[in-house]
All heavy atoms as atom14 arrays in JSON, in Angstrom:
{
  "sequence": "TKRGHARVKAEAEWQSIPDLPLHIFRLAGIYGPG",
  "atom14_mask": [
    [1, 1, 1, 1, 1, 1, 1, 0, 0, 0, 0, 0, 0, 0],
    [1, 1, 1, 1, 1, 1, 1, 1, 1, 0, 0, 0, 0, 0],
    [1, 1, 1, 1, 1, 1, 1, 1, 1, 1, 1, 0, 0, 0],
    [1, 1, 1, 1, 0, 0, 0, 0, 0, 0, 0, 0, 0, 0],
    [1, 1, 1, 1, 1, 1, 1, 1, 1, 1, 0, 0, 0, 0],
    [1, 1, 1, 1, 1, 0, 0, 0, 0, 0, 0, 0, 0, 0],
    [1, 1, 1, 1, 1, 1, 1, 1, 1, 1, 1, 0, 0, 0],
    [1, 1, 1, 1, 1, 1, 1, 0, 0, 0, 0, 0, 0, 0],
    [1, 1, 1, 1, 1, 1, 1, 1, 1, 0, 0, 0, 0, 0],
    [1, 1, 1, 1, 1, 0, 0, 0, 0, 0, 0, 0, 0, 0],
    [1, 1, 1, 1, 1, 1, 1, 1, 1, 0, 0, 0, 0, 0],
    [1, 1, 1, 1, 1, 0, 0, 0, 0, 0, 0, 0, 0, 0],
    [1, 1, 1, 1, 1, 1, 1, 1, 1, 0, 0, 0, 0, 0],
    [1, 1, 1, 1, 1, 1, 1, 1, 1, 1, 1, 1, 1, 1],
    [1, 1, 1, 1, 1, 1, 1, 1, 1, 0, 0, 0, 0, 0],
    [1, 1, 1, 1, 1, 1, 0, 0, 0, 0, 0, 0, 0, 0],
    [1, 1, 1, 1, 1, 1, 1, 1, 0, 0, 0, 0, 0, 0],
    [1, 1, 1, 1, 1, 1, 1, 0, 0, 0, 0, 0, 0, 0],
    [1, 1, 1, 1, 1, 1, 1, 1, 0, 0, 0, 0, 0, 0],
    [1, 1, 1, 1, 1, 1, 1, 1, 0, 0, 0, 0, 0, 0],
    [1, 1, 1, 1, 1, 1, 1, 0, 0, 0, 0, 0, 0, 0],
    [1, 1, 1, 1, 1, 1, 1, 1, 0, 0, 0, 0, 0, 0],
    [1, 1, 1, 1, 1, 1, 1, 1, 1, 1, 0, 0, 0, 0],
    [1, 1, 1, 1, 1, 1, 1, 1, 0, 0, 0, 0, 0, 0],
    [1, 1, 1, 1, 1, 1, 1, 1, 1, 1, 1, 0, 0, 0],
    [1, 1, 1, 1, 1, 1, 1, 1, 1, 1, 1, 0, 0, 0],
    [1, 1, 1, 1, 1, 1, 1, 1, 0, 0, 0, 0, 0, 0],
    [1, 1, 1, 1, 1, 0, 0, 0, 0, 0, 0, 0, 0, 0],
    [1, 1, 1, 1, 0, 0, 0, 0, 0, 0, 0, 0, 0, 0],
    [1, 1, 1, 1, 1, 1, 1, 1, 0, 0, 0, 0, 0, 0],
    [1, 1, 1, 1, 1, 1, 1, 1, 1, 1, 1, 1, 0, 0],
    [1, 1, 1, 1, 0, 0, 0, 0, 0, 0, 0, 0, 0, 0],
    [1, 1, 1, 1, 1, 1, 1, 0, 0, 0, 0, 0, 0, 0],
    [1, 1, 1, 1, 0, 0, 0, 0, 0, 0, 0, 0, 0, 0]
  ],
  "atom14_positions": [
    [[99.68, -152.71, 42.74], [98.79, -153.83, 43.07], [98.08, -153.49, 44.39], [98.61, -152.77, 45.2], [99.49, -155.17, 43.15], [100.42, -155.14, 44.29], [100.28, -155.46, 41.92], [0.0, 0.0, 0.0], [0.0, 0.0, 0.0], [0.0, 0.0, 0.0], [0.0, 0.0, 0.0], [0.0, 0.0, 0.0], [0.0, 0.0, 0.0], [0.0, 0.0, 0.0]],
    [[96.97, -154.15, 44.64], [96.22, -154.04, 45.84], [97.08, -154.5, 47.0], [97.11, -153.88, 48.13], [94.93, -154.88, 45.78], [94.1, -154.76, 47.03], [92.82, -155.57, 46.9], [91.93, -155.49, 48.16], [90.68, -156.34, 48.0], [0.0, 0.0, 0.0], [0.0, 0.0, 0.0], [0.0, 0.0, 0.0], [0.0, 0.0, 0.0], [0.0, 0.0, 0.0]],
    [[97.82, -155.62, 46.83], [98.74, -156.09, 47.88], [99.78, -155.07, 48.25], [100.11, -154.85, 49.36], [99.41, -157.42, 47.48], [98.46, -158.53, 47.22], [99.2, -159.86, 47.05], [100.23, -159.72, 46.02], [100.02, -159.82, 44.73], [98.77, -160.02, 44.29], [101.04, -159.76, 43.86], [0.0, 0.0, 0.0], [0.0, 0.0, 0.0], [0.0, 0.0, 0.0]],
    [[100.39, -154.41, 47.24], [101.37, -153.44, 47.45], [100.89, -152.19, 48.23], [101.54, -151.69, 49.07], [0.0, 0.0, 0.0], [0.0, 0.0, 0.0], [0.0, 0.0, 0.0], [0.0, 0.0, 0.0], [0.0, 0.0, 0.0], [0.0, 0.0, 0.0], [0.0, 0.0, 0.0], [0.0, 0.0, 0.0], [0.0, 0.0, 0.0], [0.0, 0.0, 0.0]],
    [[99.66, -151.75, 47.83], [99.06, -150.64, 48.55], [98.86, -150.99, 50.06], [99.04, -150.18, 50.94], [97.74, -150.23, 47.91], [97.93, -149.44, 46.67], [98.32, -148.09, 46.69], [97.78, -149.78, 45.3], [98.36, -147.6, 45.44], [98.1, -148.66, 44.63], [0.0, 0.0, 0.0], [0.0, 0.0, 0.0], [0.0, 0.0, 0.0], [0.0, 0.0, 0.0]],
    [[98.44, -152.22, 50.27], [98.16, -152.64, 51.64], [99.47, -152.65, 52.45], [99.5, -152.32, 53.64], [97.52, -154.04, 51.66], [0.0, 0.0, 0.0], [0.0, 0.0, 0.0], [0.0, 0.0, 0.0], [0.0, 0.0, 0.0], [0.0, 0.0, 0.0], [0.0, 0.0, 0.0], [0.0, 0.0, 0.0], [0.0, 0.0, 0.0], [0.0, 0.0, 0.0]],
    [[100.46, -153.04, 51.83], [101.86, -153.04, 52.48], [102.34, -151.69, 52.84], [102.88, -151.41, 53.88], [102.82, -153.8, 51.66], [102.71, -155.31, 51.66], [103.0, -155.91, 53.02], [103.06, -157.36, 52.98], [103.28, -158.15, 53.95], [103.57, -157.59, 55.17], [103.31, -159.45, 53.89], [0.0, 0.0, 0.0], [0.0, 0.0, 0.0], [0.0, 0.0, 0.0]],
    [[102.19, -150.74, 51.86], [102.58, -149.34, 52.17], [101.81, -148.81, 53.28], [102.43, -148.17, 54.21], [102.33, -148.5, 50.9], [102.54, -147.03, 51.17], [103.27, -148.89, 49.75], [0.0, 0.0, 0.0], [0.0, 0.0, 0.0], [0.0, 0.0, 0.0], [0.0, 0.0, 0.0], [0.0, 0.0, 0.0], [0.0, 0.0, 0.0], [0.0, 0.0, 0.0]],
    [[100.55, -149.08, 53.39], [99.73, -148.59, 54.52], [100.15, -149.25, 55.76], [100.3, -148.54, 56.88], [98.27, -148.91, 54.23], [97.3, -148.39, 55.31], [95.85, -148.69, 54.99], [94.97, -148.15, 56.11], [93.55, -148.56, 55.88], [0.0, 0.0, 0.0], [0.0, 0.0, 0.0], [0.0, 0.0, 0.0], [0.0, 0.0, 0.0], [0.0, 0.0, 0.0]],
    [[100.42, -150.57, 55.84], [100.89, -151.19, 57.02], [102.22, -150.68, 57.47], [102.38, -150.5, 58.7], [100.91, -152.72, 56.79], [0.0, 0.0, 0.0], [0.0, 0.0, 0.0], [0.0, 0.0, 0.0], [0.0, 0.0, 0.0], [0.0, 0.0, 0.0], [0.0, 0.0, 0.0], [0.0, 0.0, 0.0], [0.0, 0.0, 0.0], [0.0, 0.0, 0.0]],
    [[103.14, -150.51, 56.57], [104.51, -149.93, 56.9], [104.26, -148.52, 57.65], [104.93, -148.36, 58.77], [105.4, -149.74, 55.7], [105.96, -151.02, 55.15], [107.03, -150.65, 54.07], [107.36, -149.45, 53.92], [107.47, -151.56, 53.37], [0.0, 0.0, 0.0], [0.0, 0.0, 0.0], [0.0, 0.0, 0.0], [0.0, 0.0, 0.0], [0.0, 0.0, 0.0]],
    [[103.44, -147.76, 57.12], [103.23, -146.41, 57.67], [102.62, -146.48, 59.06], [102.95, -145.69, 59.94], [102.35, -145.61, 56.66], [0.0, 0.0, 0.0], [0.0, 0.0, 0.0], [0.0, 0.0, 0.0], [0.0, 0.0, 0.0], [0.0, 0.0, 0.0], [0.0, 0.0, 0.0], [0.0, 0.0, 0.0], [0.0, 0.0, 0.0], [0.0, 0.0, 0.0]],
    [[101.72, -147.41, 59.22], [101.05, -147.55, 60.55], [102.11, -148.0, 61.61], [102.07, -147.52, 62.73], [99.88, -148.54, 60.4], [98.72, -147.99, 59.62], [97.57, -149.01, 59.55], [97.8, -150.15, 59.97], [96.45, -148.59, 59.09], [0.0, 0.0, 0.0], [0.0, 0.0, 0.0], [0.0, 0.0, 0.0], [0.0, 0.0, 0.0], [0.0, 0.0, 0.0]],
    [[102.96, -148.9, 61.25], [103.95, -149.35, 62.22], [104.92, -148.13, 62.47], [105.34, -147.93, 63.61], [104.73, -150.56, 61.66], [103.96, -151.83, 61.9], [103.25, -152.54, 61.0], [103.88, -152.53, 63.13], [102.72, -153.65, 61.58], [103.07, -153.72, 62.89], [104.41, -152.39, 64.41], [102.76, -154.61, 63.88], [104.13, -153.33, 65.44], [103.33, -154.41, 65.14]],
    [[105.29, -147.43, 61.41], [106.19, -146.29, 61.62], [105.6, -145.15, 62.46], [106.42, -144.34, 63.0], [106.64, -145.78, 60.18], [107.57, -146.7, 59.42], [107.76, -146.29, 58.01], [106.82, -145.82, 57.32], [108.98, -146.33, 57.52], [0.0, 0.0, 0.0], [0.0, 0.0, 0.0], [0.0, 0.0, 0.0], [0.0, 0.0, 0.0], [0.0, 0.0, 0.0]],
    [[104.33, -145.15, 62.55], [103.65, -144.04, 63.21], [103.67, -144.19, 64.75], [103.31, -143.24, 65.52], [102.23, -143.91, 62.77], [101.43, -144.93, 63.26], [0.0, 0.0, 0.0], [0.0, 0.0, 0.0], [0.0, 0.0, 0.0], [0.0, 0.0, 0.0], [0.0, 0.0, 0.0], [0.0, 0.0, 0.0], [0.0, 0.0, 0.0], [0.0, 0.0, 0.0]],
    [[104.14, -145.32, 65.26], [104.13, -145.55, 66.69], [105.42, -145.0, 67.29], [106.52, -145.38, 67.02], [104.06, -147.09, 66.99], [102.73, -147.72, 66.42], [104.15, -147.36, 68.48], [102.67, -149.21, 66.62], [0.0, 0.0, 0.0], [0.0, 0.0, 0.0], [0.0, 0.0, 0.0], [0.0, 0.0, 0.0], [0.0, 0.0, 0.0], [0.0, 0.0, 0.0]],
    [[105.25, -143.99, 68.2], [106.41, -143.26, 68.75], [107.28, -144.31, 69.58], [106.78, -145.16, 70.23], [105.88, -142.21, 69.63], [104.36, -141.99, 69.11], [103.96, -143.33, 68.61], [0.0, 0.0, 0.0], [0.0, 0.0, 0.0], [0.0, 0.0, 0.0], [0.0, 0.0, 0.0], [0.0, 0.0, 0.0], [0.0, 0.0, 0.0], [0.0, 0.0, 0.0]],
    [[108.61, -144.1, 69.4], [109.63, -144.78, 70.29], [109.73, -146.25, 69.95], [110.39, -146.99, 70.66], [109.31, -144.63, 71.74], [109.35, -143.19, 72.17], [110.15, -142.38, 71.72], [108.46, -142.81, 73.0], [0.0, 0.0, 0.0], [0.0, 0.0, 0.0], [0.0, 0.0, 0.0], [0.0, 0.0, 0.0], [0.0, 0.0, 0.0], [0.0, 0.0, 0.0]],
    [[109.11, -146.67, 68.9], [109.2, -148.19, 68.56], [110.48, -148.37, 67.71], [110.7, -147.75, 66.71], [107.9, -148.55, 67.67], [107.72, -150.08, 67.39], [107.3, -150.76, 68.69], [106.76, -150.23, 66.28], [0.0, 0.0, 0.0], [0.0, 0.0, 0.0], [0.0, 0.0, 0.0], [0.0, 0.0, 0.0], [0.0, 0.0, 0.0], [0.0, 0.0, 0.0]],
    [[111.32, -149.35, 68.25], [112.57, -149.58, 67.47], [112.33, -150.5, 66.28], [112.64, -151.66, 66.22], [113.41, -150.29, 68.55], [112.45, -151.05, 69.37], [111.23, -150.05, 69.43], [0.0, 0.0, 0.0], [0.0, 0.0, 0.0], [0.0, 0.0, 0.0], [0.0, 0.0, 0.0], [0.0, 0.0, 0.0], [0.0, 0.0, 0.0], [0.0, 0.0, 0.0]],
    [[111.63, -149.86, 65.31], [111.19, -150.64, 64.11], [112.26, -150.77, 63.05], [112.99, -149.88, 62.7], [109.95, -149.9, 63.55], [109.28, -150.53, 62.31], [108.62, -151.87, 62.67], [108.27, -149.65, 61.67], [0.0, 0.0, 0.0], [0.0, 0.0, 0.0], [0.0, 0.0, 0.0], [0.0, 0.0, 0.0], [0.0, 0.0, 0.0], [0.0, 0.0, 0.0]],
    [[112.32, -152.0, 62.5], [113.16, -152.3, 61.37], [112.28, -152.96, 60.29], [111.62, -153.99, 60.54], [114.22, -153.28, 61.77], [115.1, -152.8, 62.96], [114.62, -152.76, 64.16], [116.31, -152.34, 62.98], [115.53, -152.33, 65.01], [116.59, -152.03, 64.29], [0.0, 0.0, 0.0], [0.0, 0.0, 0.0], [0.0, 0.0, 0.0], [0.0, 0.0, 0.0]],
    [[112.25, -152.42, 59.14], [111.41, -152.87, 57.98], [112.28, -153.64, 56.97], [113.33, -153.05, 56.59], [110.66, -151.73, 57.28], [109.62, -151.12, 58.22], [110.02, -152.25, 56.02], [108.92, -149.9, 57.7], [0.0, 0.0, 0.0], [0.0, 0.0, 0.0], [0.0, 0.0, 0.0], [0.0, 0.0, 0.0], [0.0, 0.0, 0.0], [0.0, 0.0, 0.0]],
    [[111.93, -154.76, 56.66], [112.68, -155.65, 55.7], [111.76, -155.87, 54.48], [110.71, -156.54, 54.62], [113.08, -156.94, 56.34], [113.93, -156.8, 57.55], [113.33, -156.64, 58.79], [115.3, -156.76, 57.44], [114.13, -156.48, 59.91], [116.14, -156.54, 58.53], [115.56, -156.42, 59.86], [0.0, 0.0, 0.0], [0.0, 0.0, 0.0], [0.0, 0.0, 0.0]],
    [[112.17, -155.26, 53.35], [111.37, -155.44, 52.15], [111.94, -156.66, 51.31], [113.07, -156.58, 50.8], [111.42, -154.12, 51.32], [110.67, -152.97, 52.03], [110.79, -151.74, 51.34], [110.04, -150.6, 52.06], [110.25, -149.36, 51.94], [111.24, -148.92, 51.12], [109.57, -148.49, 52.58], [0.0, 0.0, 0.0], [0.0, 0.0, 0.0], [0.0, 0.0, 0.0]],
    [[111.15, -157.63, 51.29], [111.64, -158.98, 50.78], [111.26, -159.07, 49.3], [110.14, -158.8, 48.89], [111.0, -160.12, 51.51], [111.11, -160.04, 53.06], [110.47, -161.28, 53.73], [112.53, -159.86, 53.58], [0.0, 0.0, 0.0], [0.0, 0.0, 0.0], [0.0, 0.0, 0.0], [0.0, 0.0, 0.0], [0.0, 0.0, 0.0], [0.0, 0.0, 0.0]],
    [[112.24, -159.56, 48.5], [111.97, -160.0, 47.1], [111.28, -161.32, 47.11], [110.87, -161.8, 48.16], [113.28, -159.95, 46.38], [0.0, 0.0, 0.0], [0.0, 0.0, 0.0], [0.0, 0.0, 0.0], [0.0, 0.0, 0.0], [0.0, 0.0, 0.0], [0.0, 0.0, 0.0], [0.0, 0.0, 0.0], [0.0, 0.0, 0.0], [0.0, 0.0, 0.0]],
    [[111.12, -161.9, 45.95], [110.45, -163.22, 45.87], [111.18, -164.25, 46.64], [112.34, -164.52, 46.37], [0.0, 0.0, 0.0], [0.0, 0.0, 0.0], [0.0, 0.0, 0.0], [0.0, 0.0, 0.0], [0.0, 0.0, 0.0], [0.0, 0.0, 0.0], [0.0, 0.0, 0.0], [0.0, 0.0, 0.0], [0.0, 0.0, 0.0], [0.0, 0.0, 0.0]],
    [[110.47, -164.86, 47.56], [111.15, -165.84, 48.48], [111.14, -167.26, 47.93], [110.1, -167.77, 47.49], [110.48, -165.84, 49.88], [110.47, -164.37, 50.43], [111.22, -166.79, 50.83], [109.53, -164.26, 51.71], [0.0, 0.0, 0.0], [0.0, 0.0, 0.0], [0.0, 0.0, 0.0], [0.0, 0.0, 0.0], [0.0, 0.0, 0.0], [0.0, 0.0, 0.0]],
    [[112.25, -167.95, 48.02], [112.27, -169.34, 47.71], [113.2, -170.02, 48.73], [113.9, -169.44, 49.51], [112.78, -169.61, 46.26], [114.28, -169.35, 46.11], [115.22, -170.45, 46.04], [114.77, -168.06, 45.89], [116.53, -170.15, 45.85], [116.14, -167.84, 45.7], [117.02, -168.88, 45.69], [118.37, -168.68, 45.49], [0.0, 0.0, 0.0], [0.0, 0.0, 0.0]],
    [[113.19, -171.41, 48.7], [113.95, -172.14, 49.71], [113.42, -173.55, 49.79], [112.58, -173.93, 49.0], [0.0, 0.0, 0.0], [0.0, 0.0, 0.0], [0.0, 0.0, 0.0], [0.0, 0.0, 0.0], [0.0, 0.0, 0.0], [0.0, 0.0, 0.0], [0.0, 0.0, 0.0], [0.0, 0.0, 0.0], [0.0, 0.0, 0.0], [0.0, 0.0, 0.0]],
    [[113.91, -174.33, 50.74], [113.53, -175.69, 50.83], [112.02, -175.89, 50.86], [111.37, -175.24, 51.68], [114.16, -176.14, 52.19], [115.34, -175.2, 52.33], [114.92, -173.94, 51.8], [0.0, 0.0, 0.0], [0.0, 0.0, 0.0], [0.0, 0.0, 0.0], [0.0, 0.0, 0.0], [0.0, 0.0, 0.0], [0.0, 0.0, 0.0], [0.0, 0.0, 0.0]],
    [[111.45, -176.67, 49.96], [110.01, -176.84, 49.95], [109.33, -175.76, 49.16], [108.06, -175.81, 48.96], [0.0, 0.0, 0.0], [0.0, 0.0, 0.0], [0.0, 0.0, 0.0], [0.0, 0.0, 0.0], [0.0, 0.0, 0.0], [0.0, 0.0, 0.0], [0.0, 0.0, 0.0], [0.0, 0.0, 0.0], [0.0, 0.0, 0.0], [0.0, 0.0, 0.0]]
  ]
}
């Protein structure tokens, strides 16, 4: 999907920053109060 491609690109851009203590959390479908 277009959304998925945009996320892959965004992940890579964050990962490309040297020395950044990055943690990526890939979330499934979110539900909860409200």
